[in-house]
Amino acid sequence: MKFGNQTITIVTVSEGATRDRYNNPEVVRTPNVVTGCRVRPLSATETVALGDVVTDAQKATCPPVPAVLDATAADEVVVDGITYSLIGPPRVHRDFRRLSHVTLNLQRITA
């Protein structure tokens, strides 16, 4: 099922088998392209207390494909070349007995 005409990339962030010189596991980023999504803005806030900080929230509605269903808060979502953090788990929606769609809450904080 298609919810929009946007393509997003879910970047799965995991630990690699090798370690750096400080014995930390290397970060492995695996891109997963998902088509048929709809991304829309939710809200934006600006705080000027200790510098100018802008929080941009977006909501993505996607088909229930494995890359979306398996996304975690450690993963990144790229929309139109902009990288967002995933806030919370994917929200799965059912239509009677089958999966209907999945929503992802996204956030980008810039200073």
N, C-alpha and C. Protein backbone atom coordinates (compact mmCIF):
# COMPACT_ATOMS: atom_id res chain seq x y z
N MET A 1 0.84 -1.17 0.00
CA MET A 1 0.00 0.00 0.00
C MET A 1 0.88 1.24 0.00
N LYS A 2 0.47 2.25 -0.71
CA LYS A 2 1.26 3.47 -0.85
C LYS A 2 0.56 4.61 -0.12
N PHE A 3 1.31 5.37 0.68
CA PHE A 3 0.74 6.46 1.46
C PHE A 3 1.16 7.83 0.95
N GLY A 4 2.12 7.85 0.07
CA GLY A 4 2.61 9.11 -0.49
C GLY A 4 3.62 8.80 -1.57
N ASN A 5 4.22 9.84 -2.09
CA ASN A 5 5.20 9.66 -3.17
C ASN A 5 6.62 9.98 -2.73
N GLN A 6 6.84 10.03 -1.43
CA GLN A 6 8.17 10.35 -0.95
C GLN A 6 8.97 9.08 -0.67
N THR A 7 10.27 9.19 -0.85
CA THR A 7 11.20 8.11 -0.54
C THR A 7 12.05 8.56 0.63
N ILE A 8 12.12 7.72 1.65
CA ILE A 8 12.97 8.00 2.80
C ILE A 8 14.03 6.91 2.90
N THR A 9 15.08 7.19 3.64
CA THR A 9 16.11 6.20 3.90
C THR A 9 16.23 6.01 5.40
N ILE A 10 16.01 4.80 5.84
CA ILE A 10 16.21 4.47 7.25
C ILE A 10 17.62 3.91 7.37
N VAL A 11 18.44 4.59 8.12
CA VAL A 11 19.83 4.18 8.30
C VAL A 11 19.93 3.42 9.63
N THR A 12 20.13 2.12 9.52
CA THR A 12 20.27 1.29 10.71
C THR A 12 21.66 1.48 11.28
N VAL A 13 21.73 1.91 12.53
CA VAL A 13 23.01 2.16 13.20
C VAL A 13 23.27 1.01 14.16
N SER A 14 24.40 0.33 13.96
CA SER A 14 24.73 -0.81 14.82
C SER A 14 26.23 -0.82 15.09
N GLU A 15 26.62 -1.68 16.00
CA GLU A 15 28.03 -1.82 16.33
C GLU A 15 28.67 -2.84 15.41
N GLY A 16 29.86 -2.50 14.92
CA GLY A 16 30.60 -3.41 14.07
C GLY A 16 31.42 -4.40 14.88
N ALA A 17 32.02 -5.35 14.19
CA ALA A 17 32.82 -6.37 14.85
C ALA A 17 34.20 -5.86 15.22
N THR A 18 34.68 -4.82 14.52
CA THR A 18 36.01 -4.30 14.80
C THR A 18 35.94 -3.16 15.82
N ARG A 19 37.07 -2.86 16.42
CA ARG A 19 37.15 -1.80 17.43
C ARG A 19 38.19 -0.77 17.01
N ASP A 20 38.00 0.46 17.46
CA ASP A 20 38.96 1.51 17.14
C ASP A 20 40.13 1.45 18.13
N ARG A 21 41.02 2.41 18.04
CA ARG A 21 42.22 2.38 18.88
C ARG A 21 41.93 2.62 20.36
N TYR A 22 40.72 3.07 20.68
CA TYR A 22 40.33 3.26 22.08
C TYR A 22 39.47 2.09 22.58
N ASN A 23 39.39 1.03 21.80
CA ASN A 23 38.65 -0.19 22.09
C ASN A 23 37.13 0.02 22.08
N ASN A 24 36.66 1.04 21.39
CA ASN A 24 35.23 1.25 21.21
C ASN A 24 34.80 0.54 19.94
N PRO A 25 33.61 -0.07 19.93
CA PRO A 25 33.14 -0.71 18.70
C PRO A 25 32.90 0.34 17.61
N GLU A 26 33.29 0.01 16.39
CA GLU A 26 33.05 0.93 15.29
C GLU A 26 31.56 0.94 14.93
N VAL A 27 31.08 2.08 14.51
CA VAL A 27 29.68 2.23 14.16
C VAL A 27 29.49 1.85 12.70
N VAL A 28 28.49 1.01 12.45
CA VAL A 28 28.16 0.59 11.09
C VAL A 28 26.80 1.17 10.74
N ARG A 29 26.74 1.88 9.62
CA ARG A 29 25.48 2.47 9.15
C ARG A 29 25.04 1.74 7.88
N THR A 30 23.84 1.15 7.92
CA THR A 30 23.31 0.41 6.79
C THR A 30 22.06 1.11 6.28
N PRO A 31 22.09 1.66 5.05
CA PRO A 31 20.91 2.37 4.53
C PRO A 31 19.86 1.39 3.99
N ASN A 32 18.60 1.71 4.25
CA ASN A 32 17.46 0.95 3.74
C ASN A 32 16.48 1.94 3.13
N VAL A 33 16.30 1.88 1.82
CA VAL A 33 15.42 2.82 1.11
C VAL A 33 13.98 2.32 1.20
N VAL A 34 13.06 3.23 1.57
CA VAL A 34 11.64 2.90 1.69
C VAL A 34 10.87 3.88 0.80
N THR A 35 10.09 3.35 -0.12
CA THR A 35 9.29 4.19 -1.02
C THR A 35 7.83 4.17 -0.58
N GLY A 36 7.05 5.12 -1.10
CA GLY A 36 5.63 5.17 -0.81
C GLY A 36 5.29 5.76 0.54
N CYS A 37 6.13 6.68 1.02
CA CYS A 37 5.91 7.30 2.33
C CYS A 37 5.34 8.70 2.18
N ARG A 38 4.83 9.21 3.28
CA ARG A 38 4.37 10.60 3.34
C ARG A 38 4.98 11.21 4.59
N VAL A 39 5.72 12.29 4.43
CA VAL A 39 6.35 12.98 5.55
C VAL A 39 5.77 14.38 5.63
N ARG A 40 5.38 14.76 6.83
CA ARG A 40 4.77 16.09 7.02
C ARG A 40 5.25 16.70 8.33
N PRO A 41 5.30 18.02 8.37
CA PRO A 41 5.77 18.69 9.59
C PRO A 41 4.73 18.61 10.70
N LEU A 42 5.21 18.50 11.92
CA LEU A 42 4.32 18.55 13.09
C LEU A 42 4.40 19.92 13.75
N SER A 43 5.59 20.29 14.17
CA SER A 43 5.77 21.59 14.82
C SER A 43 7.24 21.93 14.83
N ALA A 44 7.52 23.15 15.14
CA ALA A 44 8.90 23.59 15.30
C ALA A 44 8.93 24.56 16.47
N THR A 45 9.98 24.45 17.28
CA THR A 45 10.15 25.37 18.40
C THR A 45 11.53 25.98 18.33
N GLU A 46 11.64 27.17 18.87
CA GLU A 46 12.93 27.85 18.89
C GLU A 46 13.19 28.35 20.30
N THR A 47 14.37 28.05 20.82
CA THR A 47 14.77 28.46 22.15
C THR A 47 16.02 29.32 22.03
N VAL A 48 16.01 30.47 22.69
CA VAL A 48 17.14 31.39 22.58
C VAL A 48 17.82 31.57 23.94
N ALA A 49 17.64 30.66 24.86
CA ALA A 49 18.21 30.80 26.20
C ALA A 49 19.74 30.74 26.18
N LEU A 50 20.31 29.66 25.75
CA LEU A 50 21.76 29.51 25.69
C LEU A 50 22.19 29.32 24.24
N GLY A 51 21.85 30.26 23.42
CA GLY A 51 22.10 30.14 21.99
C GLY A 51 20.77 29.87 21.30
N ASP A 52 20.80 29.82 20.01
CA ASP A 52 19.59 29.62 19.23
C ASP A 52 19.46 28.15 18.87
N VAL A 53 18.48 27.47 19.47
CA VAL A 53 18.26 26.05 19.24
C VAL A 53 16.88 25.86 18.63
N VAL A 54 16.83 25.20 17.47
CA VAL A 54 15.57 24.95 16.78
C VAL A 54 15.30 23.45 16.78
N THR A 55 14.10 23.08 17.22
CA THR A 55 13.66 21.70 17.21
C THR A 55 12.59 21.55 16.14
N ASP A 56 12.83 20.69 15.16
CA ASP A 56 11.93 20.48 14.03
C ASP A 56 11.38 19.07 14.11
N ALA A 57 10.07 18.93 14.31
CA ALA A 57 9.43 17.61 14.41
C ALA A 57 8.68 17.30 13.12
N GLN A 58 8.79 16.06 12.68
CA GLN A 58 8.12 15.58 11.47
C GLN A 58 7.45 14.25 11.79
N LYS A 59 6.46 13.88 10.99
CA LYS A 59 5.80 12.59 11.13
C LYS A 59 5.82 11.90 9.78
N ALA A 60 6.29 10.66 9.76
CA ALA A 60 6.35 9.89 8.52
C ALA A 60 5.36 8.74 8.60
N THR A 61 4.53 8.60 7.57
CA THR A 61 3.63 7.47 7.45
C THR A 61 4.17 6.59 6.34
N CYS A 62 4.43 5.33 6.66
CA CYS A 62 5.12 4.43 5.74
C CYS A 62 4.39 3.10 5.63
N PRO A 63 4.65 2.38 4.54
CA PRO A 63 4.10 1.02 4.45
C PRO A 63 4.80 0.11 5.47
N PRO A 64 4.15 -0.96 5.89
CA PRO A 64 4.74 -1.84 6.91
C PRO A 64 5.77 -2.81 6.32
N VAL A 65 6.91 -2.27 5.96
CA VAL A 65 8.01 -3.08 5.42
C VAL A 65 9.01 -3.34 6.54
N PRO A 66 9.85 -4.38 6.44
CA PRO A 66 10.77 -4.72 7.53
C PRO A 66 11.68 -3.58 7.99
N ALA A 67 12.18 -2.77 7.08
CA ALA A 67 13.08 -1.68 7.48
C ALA A 67 12.39 -0.70 8.41
N VAL A 68 11.11 -0.47 8.20
CA VAL A 68 10.35 0.46 9.05
C VAL A 68 9.96 -0.23 10.36
N LEU A 69 9.48 -1.45 10.27
CA LEU A 69 9.05 -2.18 11.47
C LEU A 69 10.20 -2.45 12.44
N ASP A 70 11.41 -2.63 11.91
CA ASP A 70 12.56 -2.96 12.74
C ASP A 70 13.35 -1.74 13.20
N ALA A 71 12.89 -0.53 12.87
CA ALA A 71 13.62 0.69 13.24
C ALA A 71 13.63 0.86 14.76
N THR A 72 14.75 1.40 15.26
CA THR A 72 14.89 1.67 16.69
C THR A 72 15.28 3.13 16.88
N ALA A 73 15.29 3.57 18.13
CA ALA A 73 15.66 4.95 18.44
C ALA A 73 17.12 5.25 18.12
N ALA A 74 17.94 4.23 17.95
CA ALA A 74 19.35 4.44 17.60
C ALA A 74 19.53 4.72 16.11
N ASP A 75 18.50 4.47 15.31
CA ASP A 75 18.59 4.63 13.86
C ASP A 75 18.35 6.08 13.45
N GLU A 76 18.70 6.37 12.20
CA GLU A 76 18.50 7.70 11.63
C GLU A 76 17.57 7.59 10.43
N VAL A 77 16.85 8.65 10.15
CA VAL A 77 15.96 8.69 8.99
C VAL A 77 16.35 9.89 8.15
N VAL A 78 16.61 9.65 6.86
CA VAL A 78 17.00 10.71 5.95
C VAL A 78 15.82 11.02 5.03
N VAL A 79 15.40 12.30 5.04
CA VAL A 79 14.29 12.77 4.21
C VAL A 79 14.80 13.96 3.41
N ASP A 80 14.79 13.85 2.10
CA ASP A 80 15.24 14.93 1.22
C ASP A 80 16.63 15.44 1.60
N GLY A 81 17.52 14.53 1.98
CA GLY A 81 18.89 14.88 2.32
C GLY A 81 19.09 15.40 3.73
N ILE A 82 18.04 15.48 4.52
CA ILE A 82 18.13 15.96 5.90
C ILE A 82 18.00 14.77 6.84
N THR A 83 18.92 14.66 7.80
CA THR A 83 18.93 13.54 8.73
C THR A 83 18.16 13.88 9.99
N TYR A 84 17.22 12.99 10.35
CA TYR A 84 16.41 13.14 11.55
C TYR A 84 16.68 11.98 12.50
N SER A 85 16.45 12.22 13.78
CA SER A 85 16.50 11.16 14.79
C SER A 85 15.11 10.57 14.91
N LEU A 86 15.06 9.30 15.21
CA LEU A 86 13.78 8.63 15.43
C LEU A 86 13.43 8.76 16.90
N ILE A 87 12.24 9.27 17.19
CA ILE A 87 11.80 9.48 18.56
C ILE A 87 10.79 8.38 18.90
N GLY A 88 11.18 7.51 19.81
CA GLY A 88 10.29 6.42 20.22
C GLY A 88 10.26 5.30 19.20
N PRO A 89 9.50 4.27 19.48
CA PRO A 89 9.42 3.12 18.57
C PRO A 89 8.48 3.41 17.41
N PRO A 90 8.56 2.61 16.36
CA PRO A 90 7.57 2.73 15.27
C PRO A 90 6.18 2.41 15.81
N ARG A 91 5.20 3.16 15.36
CA ARG A 91 3.83 2.91 15.79
C ARG A 91 3.10 2.15 14.69
N VAL A 92 2.72 0.94 15.00
CA VAL A 92 2.11 0.05 14.02
C VAL A 92 0.59 0.19 14.10
N HIS A 93 -0.03 0.35 12.94
CA HIS A 93 -1.49 0.49 12.85
C HIS A 93 -2.05 -0.70 12.08
N ARG A 94 -3.12 -1.26 12.62
CA ARG A 94 -3.74 -2.42 11.99
C ARG A 94 -5.09 -2.05 11.40
N ASP A 95 -5.43 -2.74 10.33
CA ASP A 95 -6.73 -2.59 9.69
C ASP A 95 -7.37 -3.97 9.72
N PHE A 96 -8.20 -4.20 10.69
CA PHE A 96 -8.78 -5.52 10.96
C PHE A 96 -7.67 -6.51 11.30
N ARG A 97 -7.34 -7.45 10.44
CA ARG A 97 -6.35 -8.47 10.79
C ARG A 97 -4.98 -8.25 10.16
N ARG A 98 -4.80 -7.22 9.39
CA ARG A 98 -3.51 -7.03 8.72
C ARG A 98 -2.89 -5.70 9.13
N LEU A 99 -1.58 -5.61 8.90
CA LEU A 99 -0.89 -4.35 9.17
C LEU A 99 -1.30 -3.34 8.11
N SER A 100 -1.68 -2.18 8.54
CA SER A 100 -2.12 -1.14 7.61
C SER A 100 -0.97 -0.21 7.25
N HIS A 101 -0.38 0.42 8.26
CA HIS A 101 0.73 1.34 8.04
C HIS A 101 1.49 1.55 9.35
N VAL A 102 2.62 2.23 9.22
CA VAL A 102 3.48 2.50 10.37
C VAL A 102 3.79 3.99 10.39
N THR A 103 3.72 4.60 11.56
CA THR A 103 4.11 5.99 11.67
C THR A 103 5.40 6.10 12.48
N LEU A 104 6.24 7.02 12.06
CA LEU A 104 7.51 7.30 12.72
C LEU A 104 7.51 8.77 13.14
N ASN A 105 7.87 9.02 14.38
CA ASN A 105 8.03 10.40 14.84
C ASN A 105 9.52 10.76 14.70
N LEU A 106 9.77 11.83 13.98
CA LEU A 106 11.13 12.25 13.67
C LEU A 106 11.42 13.60 14.30
N GLN A 107 12.69 13.84 14.60
CA GLN A 107 13.08 15.12 15.19
C GLN A 107 14.49 15.49 14.76
N ARG A 108 14.67 16.78 14.48
CA ARG A 108 15.99 17.31 14.17
C ARG A 108 16.22 18.54 15.05
N ILE A 109 17.34 18.56 15.71
CA ILE A 109 17.68 19.70 16.57
C ILE A 109 18.90 20.38 15.96
N THR A 110 18.79 21.66 15.70
CA THR A 110 19.91 22.43 15.14
C THR A 110 20.21 23.60 16.05
N ALA A 111 21.47 23.97 16.09
CA ALA A 111 21.89 25.09 16.93
C ALA A 111 22.47 26.18 16.06
